[in-house]
Amino acid sequence: MKLTLDDLKPGIECLVKKLNAKDKLGQRLMDMGVYPGLRLKVVRNAPLEDPMELELDGFYVSLRHEEAKYVEVERV
């Protein structure tokens, strides 16, 4: 079973294995600093679960669960 970023709960660290997004979304994720080999941490979810806050390379980004499901990860 593939594990995707939207499956993770706050406090969990992971390694990005693969981006399954193409076109604009794939480029947007890369522009935000999400790429294969990156280690990141899920910091928190908003009160209604969306968006989720991530810490990567020392900075914080927010990502919708709809977008996070295209990021295949591996728990660290």
PDB file of N, CA and C in Angstrom:
ATOM      1  N   MET A   1       0.836  -1.188   0.000  1.00  0.00           N
ATOM      2  CA  MET A   1       0.000   0.000   0.000  1.00  0.00           C
ATOM      3  C   MET A   1       0.878   1.247   0.000  1.00  0.00           C
ATOM      4  N   LYS A   2       0.548   2.179  -0.855  1.00  0.00           N
ATOM      5  CA  LYS A   2       1.296   3.423  -0.921  1.00  0.00           C
ATOM      6  C   LYS A   2       0.878   4.342   0.211  1.00  0.00           C
ATOM      7  N   LEU A   3       1.847   4.950   0.847  1.00  0.00           N
ATOM      8  CA  LEU A   3       1.594   5.927   1.897  1.00  0.00           C
ATOM      9  C   LEU A   3       1.761   7.315   1.293  1.00  0.00           C
ATOM     10  N   THR A   4       0.751   8.157   1.453  1.00  0.00           N
ATOM     11  CA  THR A   4       0.835   9.509   0.922  1.00  0.00           C
ATOM     12  C   THR A   4       0.833  10.520   2.059  1.00  0.00           C
ATOM     13  N   LEU A   5       1.269  11.723   1.758  1.00  0.00           N
ATOM     14  CA  LEU A   5       1.408  12.771   2.758  1.00  0.00           C
ATOM     15  C   LEU A   5       0.102  13.070   3.482  1.00  0.00           C
ATOM     16  N   ASP A   6      -1.016  12.981   2.804  1.00  0.00           N
ATOM     17  CA  ASP A   6      -2.296  13.287   3.459  1.00  0.00           C
ATOM     18  C   ASP A   6      -2.709  12.226   4.485  1.00  0.00           C
ATOM     19  N   ASP A   7      -2.046  11.063   4.496  1.00  0.00           N
ATOM     20  CA  ASP A   7      -2.336  10.004   5.474  1.00  0.00           C
ATOM     21  C   ASP A   7      -1.664  10.246   6.829  1.00  0.00           C
ATOM     22  N   LEU A   8      -0.683  11.139   6.870  1.00  0.00           N
ATOM     23  CA  LEU A   8       0.120  11.324   8.073  1.00  0.00           C
ATOM     24  C   LEU A   8      -0.521  12.268   9.071  1.00  0.00           C
ATOM     25  N   LYS A   9      -0.261  12.007  10.329  1.00  0.00           N
ATOM     26  CA  LYS A   9      -0.772  12.814  11.440  1.00  0.00           C
ATOM     27  C   LYS A   9       0.331  13.759  11.914  1.00  0.00           C
ATOM     28  N   PRO A  10      -0.042  14.817  12.632  1.00  0.00           N
ATOM     29  CA  PRO A  10       0.959  15.755  13.162  1.00  0.00           C
ATOM     30  C   PRO A  10       2.015  15.067  14.016  1.00  0.00           C
ATOM     31  N   GLY A  11       3.253  15.548  13.868  1.00  0.00           N
ATOM     32  CA  GLY A  11       4.377  15.013  14.626  1.00  0.00           C
ATOM     33  C   GLY A  11       5.180  13.957  13.886  1.00  0.00           C
ATOM     34  N   ILE A  12       4.674  13.478  12.771  1.00  0.00           N
ATOM     35  CA  ILE A  12       5.343  12.411  12.028  1.00  0.00           C
ATOM     36  C   ILE A  12       6.314  13.001  11.011  1.00  0.00           C
ATOM     37  N   GLU A  13       7.511  12.417  10.953  1.00  0.00           N
ATOM     38  CA  GLU A  13       8.505  12.814   9.956  1.00  0.00           C
ATOM     39  C   GLU A  13       8.521  11.772   8.855  1.00  0.00           C
ATOM     40  N   CYS A  14       8.820  12.241   7.646  1.00  0.00           N
ATOM     41  CA  CYS A  14       8.839  11.323   6.511  1.00  0.00           C
ATOM     42  C   CYS A  14       9.825  11.800   5.452  1.00  0.00           C
ATOM     43  N   LEU A  15      10.046  10.928   4.487  1.00  0.00           N
ATOM     44  CA  LEU A  15      10.898  11.195   3.346  1.00  0.00           C
ATOM     45  C   LEU A  15      10.012  11.146   2.109  1.00  0.00           C
ATOM     46  N   VAL A  16      10.123  12.142   1.255  1.00  0.00           N
ATOM     47  CA  VAL A  16       9.337  12.154   0.019  1.00  0.00           C
ATOM     48  C   VAL A  16       9.960  11.156  -0.944  1.00  0.00           C
ATOM     49  N   LYS A  17       9.160  10.197  -1.406  1.00  0.00           N
ATOM     50  CA  LYS A  17       9.640   9.184  -2.347  1.00  0.00           C
ATOM     51  C   LYS A  17       9.378   9.587  -3.789  1.00  0.00           C
ATOM     52  N   LYS A  18       8.176  10.142  -4.028  1.00  0.00           N
ATOM     53  CA  LYS A  18       7.774  10.393  -5.415  1.00  0.00           C
ATOM     54  C   LYS A  18       6.651  11.421  -5.446  1.00  0.00           C
ATOM     55  N   LEU A  19       6.649  12.255  -6.480  1.00  0.00           N
ATOM     56  CA  LEU A  19       5.535  13.173  -6.731  1.00  0.00           C
ATOM     57  C   LEU A  19       4.700  12.565  -7.847  1.00  0.00           C
ATOM     58  N   ASN A  20       3.434  12.324  -7.570  1.00  0.00           N
ATOM     59  CA  ASN A  20       2.549  11.731  -8.570  1.00  0.00           C
ATOM     60  C   ASN A  20       1.714  12.778  -9.290  1.00  0.00           C
ATOM     61  N   ALA A  21       2.046  14.044  -9.088  1.00  0.00           N
ATOM     62  CA  ALA A  21       1.305  15.135  -9.723  1.00  0.00           C
ATOM     63  C   ALA A  21       2.017  15.550 -11.006  1.00  0.00           C
ATOM     64  N   LYS A  22       1.250  15.950 -11.952  1.00  0.00           N
ATOM     65  CA  LYS A  22       1.793  16.415 -13.233  1.00  0.00           C
ATOM     66  C   LYS A  22       1.374  17.870 -13.438  1.00  0.00           C
ATOM     67  N   ASP A  23       1.858  18.454 -14.514  1.00  0.00           N
ATOM     68  CA  ASP A  23       1.462  19.790 -14.944  1.00  0.00           C
ATOM     69  C   ASP A  23       1.638  20.847 -13.860  1.00  0.00           C
ATOM     70  N   LYS A  24       0.606  21.673 -13.667  1.00  0.00           N
ATOM     71  CA  LYS A  24       0.700  22.819 -12.770  1.00  0.00           C
ATOM     72  C   LYS A  24       0.890  22.424 -11.310  1.00  0.00           C
ATOM     73  N   LEU A  25       0.180  21.414 -10.844  1.00  0.00           N
ATOM     74  CA  LEU A  25       0.302  21.002  -9.448  1.00  0.00           C
ATOM     75  C   LEU A  25       1.691  20.460  -9.159  1.00  0.00           C
ATOM     76  N   GLY A  26       2.209  19.646 -10.043  1.00  0.00           N
ATOM     77  CA  GLY A  26       3.558  19.110  -9.860  1.00  0.00           C
ATOM     78  C   GLY A  26       4.592  20.217  -9.797  1.00  0.00           C
ATOM     79  N   GLN A  27       4.458  21.206 -10.670  1.00  0.00           N
ATOM     80  CA  GLN A  27       5.383  22.335 -10.684  1.00  0.00           C
ATOM     81  C   GLN A  27       5.223  23.166  -9.415  1.00  0.00           C
ATOM     82  N   ARG A  28       3.977  23.351  -8.961  1.00  0.00           N
ATOM     83  CA  ARG A  28       3.718  24.130  -7.741  1.00  0.00           C
ATOM     84  C   ARG A  28       4.354  23.472  -6.526  1.00  0.00           C
ATOM     85  N   LEU A  29       4.228  22.149  -6.426  1.00  0.00           N
ATOM     86  CA  LEU A  29       4.846  21.430  -5.313  1.00  0.00           C
ATOM     87  C   LEU A  29       6.366  21.587  -5.337  1.00  0.00           C
ATOM     88  N   MET A  30       6.956  21.485  -6.515  1.00  0.00           N
ATOM     89  CA  MET A  30       8.404  21.658  -6.641  1.00  0.00           C
ATOM     90  C   MET A  30       8.802  23.091  -6.267  1.00  0.00           C
ATOM     91  N   ASP A  31       8.014  24.069  -6.686  1.00  0.00           N
ATOM     92  CA  ASP A  31       8.299  25.474  -6.354  1.00  0.00           C
ATOM     93  C   ASP A  31       8.219  25.723  -4.852  1.00  0.00           C
ATOM     94  N   MET A  32       7.346  24.969  -4.158  1.00  0.00           N
ATOM     95  CA  MET A  32       7.209  25.103  -2.707  1.00  0.00           C
ATOM     96  C   MET A  32       8.346  24.398  -1.969  1.00  0.00           C
ATOM     97  N   GLY A  33       9.135  23.623  -2.692  1.00  0.00           N
ATOM     98  CA  GLY A  33      10.261  22.924  -2.072  1.00  0.00           C
ATOM     99  C   GLY A  33      10.001  21.468  -1.772  1.00  0.00           C
ATOM    100  N   VAL A  34       8.921  20.905  -2.319  1.00  0.00           N
ATOM    101  CA  VAL A  34       8.606  19.491  -2.115  1.00  0.00           C
ATOM    102  C   VAL A  34       9.152  18.713  -3.314  1.00  0.00           C
ATOM    103  N   TYR A  35      10.128  17.835  -3.053  1.00  0.00           N
ATOM    104  CA  TYR A  35      10.768  17.072  -4.124  1.00  0.00           C
ATOM    105  C   TYR A  35      11.216  15.719  -3.568  1.00  0.00           C
ATOM    106  N   PRO A  36      11.423  14.718  -4.425  1.00  0.00           N
ATOM    107  CA  PRO A  36      11.862  13.407  -3.957  1.00  0.00           C
ATOM    108  C   PRO A  36      13.191  13.503  -3.205  1.00  0.00           C
ATOM    109  N   GLY A  37      13.265  12.804  -2.073  1.00  0.00           N
ATOM    110  CA  GLY A  37      14.460  12.811  -1.244  1.00  0.00           C
ATOM    111  C   GLY A  37      14.381  13.793  -0.079  1.00  0.00           C
ATOM    112  N   LEU A  38      13.388  14.687  -0.095  1.00  0.00           N
ATOM    113  CA  LEU A  38      13.226  15.689   0.955  1.00  0.00           C
ATOM    114  C   LEU A  38      12.714  15.037   2.239  1.00  0.00           C
ATOM    115  N   ARG A  39      13.270  15.442   3.369  1.00  0.00           N
ATOM    116  CA  ARG A  39      12.764  15.009   4.675  1.00  0.00           C
ATOM    117  C   ARG A  39      11.893  16.132   5.210  1.00  0.00           C
ATOM    118  N   LEU A  40      10.681  15.806   5.635  1.00  0.00           N
ATOM    119  CA  LEU A  40       9.778  16.824   6.159  1.00  0.00           C
ATOM    120  C   LEU A  40       9.016  16.305   7.358  1.00  0.00           C
ATOM    121  N   LYS A  41       8.364  17.234   8.058  1.00  0.00           N
ATOM    122  CA  LYS A  41       7.602  16.885   9.257  1.00  0.00           C
ATOM    123  C   LYS A  41       6.223  17.520   9.166  1.00  0.00           C
ATOM    124  N   VAL A  42       5.208  16.746   9.516  1.00  0.00           N
ATOM    125  CA  VAL A  42       3.848  17.277   9.595  1.00  0.00           C
ATOM    126  C   VAL A  42       3.738  17.978  10.942  1.00  0.00           C
ATOM    127  N   VAL A  43       3.497  19.283  10.924  1.00  0.00           N
ATOM    128  CA  VAL A  43       3.444  20.066  12.160  1.00  0.00           C
ATOM    129  C   VAL A  43       2.050  20.019  12.765  1.00  0.00           C
ATOM    130  N   ARG A  44       1.040  20.349  11.967  1.00  0.00           N
ATOM    131  CA  ARG A  44      -0.338  20.348  12.480  1.00  0.00           C
ATOM    132  C   ARG A  44      -1.327  20.402  11.334  1.00  0.00           C
ATOM    133  N   ASN A  45      -2.578  20.094  11.679  1.00  0.00           N
ATOM    134  CA  ASN A  45      -3.699  20.246  10.762  1.00  0.00           C
ATOM    135  C   ASN A  45      -4.548  21.406  11.257  1.00  0.00           C
ATOM    136  N   ALA A  46      -5.200  22.090  10.355  1.00  0.00           N
ATOM    137  CA  ALA A  46      -6.138  23.141  10.746  1.00  0.00           C
ATOM    138  C   ALA A  46      -7.306  22.488  11.490  1.00  0.00           C
ATOM    139  N   PRO A  47      -8.096  23.275  12.225  1.00  0.00           N
ATOM    140  CA  PRO A  47      -9.192  22.699  13.017  1.00  0.00           C
ATOM    141  C   PRO A  47     -10.134  21.783  12.229  1.00  0.00           C
ATOM    142  N   LEU A  48     -10.385  22.088  10.989  1.00  0.00           N
ATOM    143  CA  LEU A  48     -11.253  21.221  10.181  1.00  0.00           C
ATOM    144  C   LEU A  48     -10.436  20.312   9.259  1.00  0.00           C
ATOM    145  N   GLU A  49      -9.181  20.035   9.667  1.00  0.00           N
ATOM    146  CA  GLU A  49      -8.261  19.140   8.972  1.00  0.00           C
ATOM    147  C   GLU A  49      -7.577  19.729   7.741  1.00  0.00           C
ATOM    148  N   ASP A  50      -8.059  20.797   7.182  1.00  0.00           N
ATOM    149  CA  ASP A  50      -7.459  21.330   5.956  1.00  0.00           C
ATOM    150  C   ASP A  50      -7.171  22.800   6.120  1.00  0.00           C
ATOM    151  N   PRO A  51      -6.035  23.328   5.809  1.00  0.00           N
ATOM    152  CA  PRO A  51      -4.845  22.656   5.264  1.00  0.00           C
ATOM    153  C   PRO A  51      -3.972  22.064   6.374  1.00  0.00           C
ATOM    154  N   MET A  52      -2.921  21.393   5.947  1.00  0.00           N
ATOM    155  CA  MET A  52      -1.952  20.859   6.895  1.00  0.00           C
ATOM    156  C   MET A  52      -0.693  21.711   6.813  1.00  0.00           C
ATOM    157  N   GLU A  53      -0.019  21.873   7.940  1.00  0.00           N
ATOM    158  CA  GLU A  53       1.214  22.654   7.977  1.00  0.00           C
ATOM    159  C   GLU A  53       2.395  21.701   8.013  1.00  0.00           C
ATOM    160  N   LEU A  54       3.379  21.966   7.156  1.00  0.00           N
ATOM    161  CA  LEU A  54       4.560  21.126   7.046  1.00  0.00           C
ATOM    162  C   LEU A  54       5.810  21.939   7.342  1.00  0.00           C
ATOM    163  N   GLU A  55       6.806  21.288   7.933  1.00  0.00           N
ATOM    164  CA  GLU A  55       8.111  21.923   8.114  1.00  0.00           C
ATOM    165  C   GLU A  55       9.083  21.222   7.184  1.00  0.00           C
ATOM    166  N   LEU A  56       9.708  22.001   6.296  1.00  0.00           N
ATOM    167  CA  LEU A  56      10.684  21.433   5.390  1.00  0.00           C
ATOM    168  C   LEU A  56      11.837  22.400   5.195  1.00  0.00           C
ATOM    169  N   ASP A  57      13.030  21.875   5.307  1.00  0.00           N
ATOM    170  CA  ASP A  57      14.256  22.669   5.165  1.00  0.00           C
ATOM    171  C   ASP A  57      14.246  23.935   6.015  1.00  0.00           C
ATOM    172  N   GLY A  58      13.669  23.856   7.221  1.00  0.00           N
ATOM    173  CA  GLY A  58      13.694  24.991   8.129  1.00  0.00           C
ATOM    174  C   GLY A  58      12.618  26.036   7.927  1.00  0.00           C
ATOM    175  N   PHE A  59      11.687  25.811   7.021  1.00  0.00           N
ATOM    176  CA  PHE A  59      10.572  26.748   6.864  1.00  0.00           C
ATOM    177  C   PHE A  59       9.263  25.993   6.834  1.00  0.00           C
ATOM    178  N   TYR A  60       8.167  26.743   6.937  1.00  0.00           N
ATOM    179  CA  TYR A  60       6.834  26.150   7.053  1.00  0.00           C
ATOM    180  C   TYR A  60       5.996  26.469   5.823  1.00  0.00           C
ATOM    181  N   VAL A  61       5.272  25.467   5.353  1.00  0.00           N
ATOM    182  CA  VAL A  61       4.341  25.654   4.237  1.00  0.00           C
ATOM    183  C   VAL A  61       3.016  24.986   4.598  1.00  0.00           C
ATOM    184  N   SER A  62       1.958  25.479   4.005  1.00  0.00           N
ATOM    185  CA  SER A  62       0.636  24.875   4.175  1.00  0.00           C
ATOM    186  C   SER A  62       0.230  24.222   2.871  1.00  0.00           C
ATOM    187  N   LEU A  63      -0.395  23.075   2.991  1.00  0.00           N
ATOM    188  CA  LEU A  63      -0.775  22.298   1.825  1.00  0.00           C
ATOM    189  C   LEU A  63      -2.143  21.675   2.073  1.00  0.00           C
ATOM    190  N   ARG A  64      -3.007  21.743   1.084  1.00  0.00           N
ATOM    191  CA  ARG A  64      -4.323  21.107   1.201  1.00  0.00           C
ATOM    192  C   ARG A  64      -4.167  19.592   1.112  1.00  0.00           C
ATOM    193  N   HIS A  65      -5.056  18.880   1.775  1.00  0.00           N
ATOM    194  CA  HIS A  65      -5.021  17.413   1.713  1.00  0.00           C
ATOM    195  C   HIS A  65      -5.230  16.932   0.278  1.00  0.00           C
ATOM    196  N   GLU A  66      -6.014  17.646  -0.490  1.00  0.00           N
ATOM    197  CA  GLU A  66      -6.251  17.292  -1.893  1.00  0.00           C
ATOM    198  C   GLU A  66      -4.939  17.304  -2.682  1.00  0.00           C
ATOM    199  N   GLU A  67      -4.031  18.206  -2.336  1.00  0.00           N
ATOM    200  CA  GLU A  67      -2.725  18.273  -3.002  1.00  0.00           C
ATOM    201  C   GLU A  67      -1.750  17.269  -2.391  1.00  0.00           C
ATOM    202  N   ALA A  68      -1.840  17.080  -1.080  1.00  0.00           N
ATOM    203  CA  ALA A  68      -0.912  16.190  -0.370  1.00  0.00           C
ATOM    204  C   ALA A  68      -1.061  14.734  -0.794  1.00  0.00           C
ATOM    205  N   LYS A  69      -2.217  14.368  -1.317  1.00  0.00           N
ATOM    206  CA  LYS A  69      -2.402  12.965  -1.715  1.00  0.00           C
ATOM    207  C   LYS A  69      -1.564  12.579  -2.932  1.00  0.00           C
ATOM    208  N   TYR A  70      -0.975  13.565  -3.605  1.00  0.00           N
ATOM    209  CA  TYR A  70      -0.105  13.290  -4.754  1.00  0.00           C
ATOM    210  C   TYR A  70       1.365  13.134  -4.370  1.00  0.00           C
ATOM    211  N   VAL A  71       1.659  13.230  -3.061  1.00  0.00           N
ATOM    212  CA  VAL A  71       3.045  13.120  -2.590  1.00  0.00           C
ATOM    213  C   VAL A  71       3.197  11.780  -1.880  1.00  0.00           C
ATOM    214  N   GLU A  72       3.920  10.873  -2.510  1.00  0.00           N
ATOM    215  CA  GLU A  72       4.167   9.558  -1.934  1.00  0.00           C
ATOM    216  C   GLU A  72       5.354   9.655  -0.963  1.00  0.00           C
ATOM    217  N   VAL A  73       5.167   9.135   0.264  1.00  0.00           N
ATOM    218  CA  VAL A  73       6.183   9.279   1.298  1.00  0.00           C
ATOM    219  C   VAL A  73       6.521   7.951   1.962  1.00  0.00           C
ATOM    220  N   GLU A  74       7.585   8.006   2.768  1.00  0.00           N
ATOM    221  CA  GLU A  74       8.028   6.862   3.561  1.00  0.00           C
ATOM    222  C   GLU A  74       8.332   7.390   4.958  1.00  0.00           C
ATOM    223  N   ARG A  75       7.751   6.782   5.976  1.00  0.00           N
ATOM    224  CA  ARG A  75       7.994   7.250   7.360  1.00  0.00           C
ATOM    225  C   ARG A  75       9.439   7.054   7.759  1.00  0.00           C
ATOM    226  N   VAL A  76       9.939   8.010   8.565  1.00  0.00           N
ATOM    227  CA  VAL A  76      11.333   7.949   9.036  1.00  0.00           C
ATOM    228  C   VAL A  76      11.339   7.424  10.453  1.00  0.00           C
TER     229      VAL A  76
END
